[in-house]
Amino acid sequence: MGVELESTFKSTRELVLGANVAYNDSKANGQIPTVGAFDGNLAPYAPHWDCRSVRLL
């Protein structure tokens, strides 16, 4: 389960600013022995929070 929010803003004719934030609360559904995760553990290698900003010209 997660939520993502993305926004863009055109500040001038040539410059577009963007931002993105995401929250991820994924859990293992059963065992994942190759990474040592058990049923109900947080999914390995999946970040809880991810934030990015971009500038497009």
N, C-alpha and C. Protein backbone atom coordinates (compact mmCIF):
# COMPACT_ATOMS: atom_id res chain seq x y z
N MET A 1 0.85 -1.17 0.00
CA MET A 1 0.00 0.00 0.00
C MET A 1 0.89 1.23 0.00
N GLY A 2 0.46 2.25 -0.72
CA GLY A 2 1.27 3.46 -0.78
C GLY A 2 0.50 4.63 -1.35
N VAL A 3 1.15 5.78 -1.29
CA VAL A 3 0.57 7.03 -1.78
C VAL A 3 1.66 7.78 -2.53
N GLU A 4 1.26 8.44 -3.62
CA GLU A 4 2.23 9.22 -4.39
C GLU A 4 1.60 10.56 -4.76
N LEU A 5 2.40 11.62 -4.70
CA LEU A 5 1.96 12.95 -5.07
C LEU A 5 2.98 13.54 -6.03
N GLU A 6 2.49 14.04 -7.15
CA GLU A 6 3.37 14.63 -8.15
C GLU A 6 2.83 16.00 -8.54
N SER A 7 3.74 16.95 -8.74
CA SER A 7 3.32 18.30 -9.08
C SER A 7 4.31 18.92 -10.06
N THR A 8 3.80 19.74 -10.98
CA THR A 8 4.66 20.49 -11.89
C THR A 8 4.21 21.95 -11.90
N PHE A 9 5.16 22.81 -12.16
CA PHE A 9 4.90 24.25 -12.17
C PHE A 9 5.70 24.87 -13.30
N LYS A 10 5.04 25.52 -14.21
CA LYS A 10 5.72 26.20 -15.31
C LYS A 10 5.99 27.64 -14.89
N SER A 11 7.22 27.90 -14.44
CA SER A 11 7.55 29.22 -13.91
C SER A 11 7.83 30.25 -14.99
N THR A 12 8.40 29.81 -16.10
CA THR A 12 8.60 30.68 -17.26
C THR A 12 8.27 29.87 -18.51
N ARG A 13 8.37 30.52 -19.66
CA ARG A 13 8.08 29.82 -20.90
C ARG A 13 9.05 28.65 -21.13
N GLU A 14 10.29 28.80 -20.66
CA GLU A 14 11.30 27.77 -20.90
C GLU A 14 11.62 26.90 -19.70
N LEU A 15 11.10 27.19 -18.53
CA LEU A 15 11.47 26.45 -17.32
C LEU A 15 10.25 25.82 -16.66
N VAL A 16 10.34 24.52 -16.47
CA VAL A 16 9.28 23.78 -15.77
C VAL A 16 9.91 23.09 -14.56
N LEU A 17 9.35 23.32 -13.38
CA LEU A 17 9.82 22.69 -12.15
C LEU A 17 8.86 21.58 -11.77
N GLY A 18 9.39 20.50 -11.22
CA GLY A 18 8.54 19.39 -10.81
C GLY A 18 9.02 18.78 -9.51
N ALA A 19 8.10 18.20 -8.78
CA ALA A 19 8.44 17.53 -7.52
C ALA A 19 7.57 16.29 -7.39
N ASN A 20 8.12 15.28 -6.71
CA ASN A 20 7.41 14.03 -6.51
C ASN A 20 7.76 13.51 -5.13
N VAL A 21 6.76 13.04 -4.39
CA VAL A 21 7.00 12.39 -3.11
C VAL A 21 6.11 11.14 -3.06
N ALA A 22 6.67 10.05 -2.56
CA ALA A 22 5.93 8.79 -2.50
C ALA A 22 6.17 8.11 -1.16
N TYR A 23 5.13 7.49 -0.62
CA TYR A 23 5.22 6.70 0.60
C TYR A 23 4.81 5.27 0.26
N ASN A 24 5.63 4.31 0.68
CA ASN A 24 5.39 2.90 0.36
C ASN A 24 5.44 2.09 1.65
N ASP A 25 4.39 1.34 1.93
CA ASP A 25 4.33 0.51 3.13
C ASP A 25 4.09 -0.95 2.73
N SER A 26 4.91 -1.45 1.83
CA SER A 26 4.71 -2.81 1.33
C SER A 26 5.30 -3.83 2.31
N LYS A 27 4.62 -4.96 2.39
CA LYS A 27 5.06 -6.05 3.27
C LYS A 27 5.15 -7.34 2.47
N ALA A 28 6.02 -8.22 2.90
CA ALA A 28 6.18 -9.51 2.23
C ALA A 28 4.93 -10.35 2.45
N ASN A 29 4.45 -10.93 1.38
CA ASN A 29 3.29 -11.82 1.44
C ASN A 29 3.81 -13.25 1.31
N GLY A 30 4.23 -13.82 2.41
CA GLY A 30 4.90 -15.12 2.41
C GLY A 30 6.40 -14.92 2.55
N GLN A 31 7.12 -16.00 2.64
CA GLN A 31 8.56 -15.92 2.82
C GLN A 31 9.27 -15.60 1.51
N ILE A 32 10.34 -14.80 1.63
CA ILE A 32 11.23 -14.52 0.51
C ILE A 32 12.63 -14.94 0.97
N PRO A 33 12.95 -16.23 0.85
CA PRO A 33 14.20 -16.73 1.44
C PRO A 33 15.47 -16.15 0.83
N THR A 34 15.43 -15.72 -0.42
CA THR A 34 16.66 -15.20 -1.05
C THR A 34 17.13 -13.90 -0.42
N VAL A 35 16.25 -13.17 0.25
CA VAL A 35 16.65 -11.91 0.90
C VAL A 35 16.39 -11.94 2.40
N GLY A 36 15.94 -13.06 2.92
CA GLY A 36 15.74 -13.21 4.37
C GLY A 36 14.51 -12.53 4.92
N ALA A 37 13.47 -12.38 4.12
CA ALA A 37 12.23 -11.75 4.59
C ALA A 37 11.19 -12.83 4.90
N PHE A 38 10.47 -12.64 5.98
CA PHE A 38 9.42 -13.57 6.36
C PHE A 38 8.06 -12.92 6.19
N ASP A 39 7.01 -13.70 6.26
CA ASP A 39 5.65 -13.22 6.05
C ASP A 39 5.36 -12.05 7.00
N GLY A 40 4.93 -10.92 6.45
CA GLY A 40 4.60 -9.74 7.24
C GLY A 40 5.74 -8.77 7.43
N ASN A 41 6.97 -9.17 7.12
CA ASN A 41 8.11 -8.23 7.21
C ASN A 41 7.98 -7.14 6.16
N LEU A 42 8.60 -6.01 6.42
CA LEU A 42 8.67 -4.98 5.40
C LEU A 42 9.40 -5.53 4.18
N ALA A 43 8.94 -5.16 3.01
CA ALA A 43 9.57 -5.65 1.79
C ALA A 43 11.00 -5.14 1.71
N PRO A 44 11.96 -6.03 1.51
CA PRO A 44 13.36 -5.61 1.45
C PRO A 44 13.65 -4.79 0.19
N TYR A 45 14.56 -3.85 0.34
CA TYR A 45 15.03 -3.00 -0.76
C TYR A 45 13.93 -2.10 -1.33
N ALA A 46 12.84 -1.93 -0.62
CA ALA A 46 11.77 -1.00 -1.04
C ALA A 46 11.74 0.15 -0.04
N PRO A 47 12.06 1.37 -0.46
CA PRO A 47 12.11 2.49 0.49
C PRO A 47 10.71 2.88 0.97
N HIS A 48 10.64 3.36 2.22
CA HIS A 48 9.38 3.89 2.73
C HIS A 48 9.05 5.22 2.06
N TRP A 49 10.04 6.07 1.95
CA TRP A 49 9.84 7.40 1.38
C TRP A 49 10.75 7.58 0.17
N ASP A 50 10.25 8.25 -0.84
CA ASP A 50 11.05 8.58 -2.02
C ASP A 50 10.65 9.99 -2.45
N CYS A 51 11.63 10.88 -2.54
CA CYS A 51 11.37 12.28 -2.93
C CYS A 51 12.29 12.65 -4.08
N ARG A 52 11.74 13.34 -5.06
CA ARG A 52 12.54 13.78 -6.22
C ARG A 52 12.09 15.17 -6.65
N SER A 53 13.02 15.88 -7.23
CA SER A 53 12.69 17.16 -7.85
C SER A 53 13.37 17.21 -9.21
N VAL A 54 12.74 17.87 -10.15
CA VAL A 54 13.29 17.95 -11.51
C VAL A 54 13.17 19.38 -12.03
N ARG A 55 14.04 19.69 -12.96
CA ARG A 55 14.00 20.96 -13.66
C ARG A 55 14.10 20.65 -15.15
N LEU A 56 13.12 21.04 -15.90
CA LEU A 56 13.11 20.80 -17.34
C LEU A 56 13.25 22.12 -18.08
N LEU A 57 14.13 22.14 -19.04
CA LEU A 57 14.31 23.37 -19.84
C LEU A 57 13.78 23.15 -21.23
